[in-house]
Protein backbone atom coordinates (compact mmCIF):
# COMPACT_ATOMS: atom_id res chain seq x y z
CA MET A 1 0.00 0.00 0.00
CA ALA A 2 1.35 3.40 -0.98
CA LYS A 3 0.68 6.73 0.65
CA VAL A 4 -0.10 9.16 -2.20
CA LEU A 5 -0.46 12.92 -1.84
CA VAL A 6 -2.64 14.52 -4.52
CA ILE A 7 -2.03 18.26 -4.91
CA ASP A 8 -4.55 19.97 -7.16
CA ASP A 9 -6.65 23.10 -6.79
CA SER A 10 -9.53 21.44 -8.65
CA PRO A 11 -11.94 19.75 -6.21
CA MET A 12 -13.16 17.45 -8.99
CA VAL A 13 -9.67 16.20 -9.88
CA ARG A 14 -8.87 15.62 -6.21
CA ALA A 15 -12.12 13.73 -5.64
CA VAL A 16 -11.65 11.46 -8.67
CA LEU A 17 -8.05 10.64 -7.81
CA LEU A 18 -8.75 10.10 -4.11
CA ASP A 19 -11.65 7.77 -4.90
CA TYR A 20 -9.51 5.79 -7.36
CA LEU A 21 -6.56 5.54 -4.96
CA ASP A 22 -8.86 4.35 -2.19
CA ARG A 23 -10.36 1.69 -4.48
CA LEU A 24 -6.83 0.49 -5.28
CA GLY A 25 -6.17 0.12 -1.55
CA HIS A 26 -3.73 3.00 -1.20
CA GLN A 27 -3.77 5.66 1.47
CA SER A 28 -4.74 8.91 -0.20
CA LEU A 29 -4.02 12.42 1.02
CA ALA A 30 -5.18 15.64 -0.61
CA ALA A 31 -4.09 19.26 -0.69
CA ALA A 32 -5.72 22.18 -2.46
CA SER A 33 -2.83 24.62 -1.93
CA ALA A 34 0.94 24.71 -1.63
CA THR A 35 0.79 25.54 2.07
CA GLU A 36 -1.52 22.64 2.76
CA ALA A 37 0.63 20.32 0.63
CA LEU A 38 3.80 21.14 2.55
CA SER A 39 2.06 20.68 5.88
CA ILE A 40 0.73 17.26 4.85
CA CYS A 41 4.05 16.25 3.34
CA THR A 42 5.90 17.08 6.55
CA ALA A 43 3.37 15.36 8.81
CA SER A 44 2.58 12.29 6.69
CA GLN A 45 5.71 11.57 4.63
CA PRO A 46 3.96 10.34 1.46
CA ASP A 47 5.52 7.76 -0.86
CA LEU A 48 4.47 9.63 -4.01
CA VAL A 49 3.09 13.04 -4.99
CA ILE A 50 0.74 13.64 -7.91
CA LYS A 51 0.74 17.39 -8.44
CA ASP A 52 -1.05 19.77 -10.75
CA LEU A 53 1.62 21.69 -12.63
CA TYR A 54 0.03 25.07 -12.02
CA MET A 55 -1.40 25.97 -8.64
CA ALA A 56 -2.90 29.40 -8.02
CA ASP A 57 -0.80 30.04 -4.92
CA THR A 58 2.72 29.06 -6.03
CA ASP A 59 5.24 28.74 -8.81
CA PRO A 60 5.36 25.16 -10.17
CA THR A 61 9.07 24.62 -9.56
CA GLU A 62 9.06 26.32 -6.16
CA LEU A 63 6.58 23.82 -4.73
CA MET A 64 8.59 20.90 -6.13
CA GLN A 65 11.74 22.26 -4.45
CA ASP A 66 9.86 22.66 -1.17
CA LEU A 67 8.55 19.08 -1.44
CA ARG A 68 12.10 17.84 -2.06
CA ARG A 69 13.21 19.58 1.15
CA CYS A 70 10.44 17.67 2.91
CA ARG A 71 11.82 14.39 1.53
CA ALA A 72 14.77 14.43 -0.86
CA ASN A 73 13.92 11.31 -2.84
CA LEU A 74 10.14 11.86 -2.97
CA PRO A 75 8.81 10.89 -6.42
CA ILE A 76 6.79 13.75 -7.93
CA VAL A 77 4.46 13.31 -10.89
CA VAL A 78 3.13 16.51 -12.47
CA CYS A 79 -0.20 16.74 -14.31
CA SER A 80 -1.12 19.25 -16.93
CA THR A 81 -3.11 19.71 -20.11
CA SER A 82 -1.62 18.70 -23.43
CA GLY A 83 -1.37 22.38 -24.38
CA GLN A 84 1.37 22.84 -21.78
CA LYS A 85 3.90 20.28 -23.07
CA HIS A 86 6.80 22.75 -22.87
CA GLU A 87 5.96 23.53 -19.25
CA ILE A 88 5.94 19.81 -18.43
CA PHE A 89 9.38 19.47 -19.98
CA VAL A 90 10.60 22.35 -17.81
CA ALA A 91 9.04 20.69 -14.75
CA ILE A 92 10.93 17.47 -15.50
CA GLN A 93 14.15 19.49 -15.83
CA ASN A 94 13.39 21.05 -12.44
CA GLY A 95 12.80 17.89 -10.47
CA ALA A 96 9.58 16.16 -11.47
CA ASN A 97 10.04 12.45 -12.00
CA ASP A 98 7.23 11.96 -14.48
CA PHE A 99 4.08 13.52 -15.92
CA LEU A 100 0.47 12.80 -16.77
CA LEU A 101 -1.29 14.68 -19.54
CA LYS A 102 -4.85 15.70 -18.66
CA PRO A 103 -7.20 14.12 -19.30
CA PHE A 104 -5.48 10.88 -18.32
CA ALA A 105 -6.68 7.32 -17.87
CA LEU A 106 -6.89 6.26 -14.24
CA GLN A 107 -4.90 3.13 -15.11
CA ASP A 108 -1.97 5.47 -15.84
CA VAL A 109 -2.03 6.47 -12.16
CA ALA A 110 -1.81 2.82 -11.11
CA THR A 111 1.13 2.32 -13.48
CA LEU A 112 2.99 5.29 -12.00
CA ILE A 113 2.42 4.07 -8.46
CA GLU A 114 3.83 0.68 -9.42
CA ARG A 115 6.80 2.34 -11.12
CA TYR A 116 7.76 4.62 -8.23
CA VAL A 117 6.52 2.83 -5.14
CA GLY A 118 6.37 -0.80 -6.16
């Protein structure tokens, strides 16, 4: 069982991912802001983060750096729309381990959990 932190400012995206993670038997955590994400990361030490590339309250690379300070080897998967491919590339250059293009198949989430958590 993995502990997965979902960071997205969309309540719908969070709800869908949390429901799916719960059905897979994983422990799911959710944050709607960078501040909340860092608090949860520090307190709960997740095994994996699935993060929306753009959050209203922070720069995309700044939050990844803060998450890395929380846990240096924390796998981070960024999500974004297909229209932001360049930004995803930049996120990978700045510390993201992988990416999901929105809309994505839920099975892709399971594959990433297997890849990074086992």
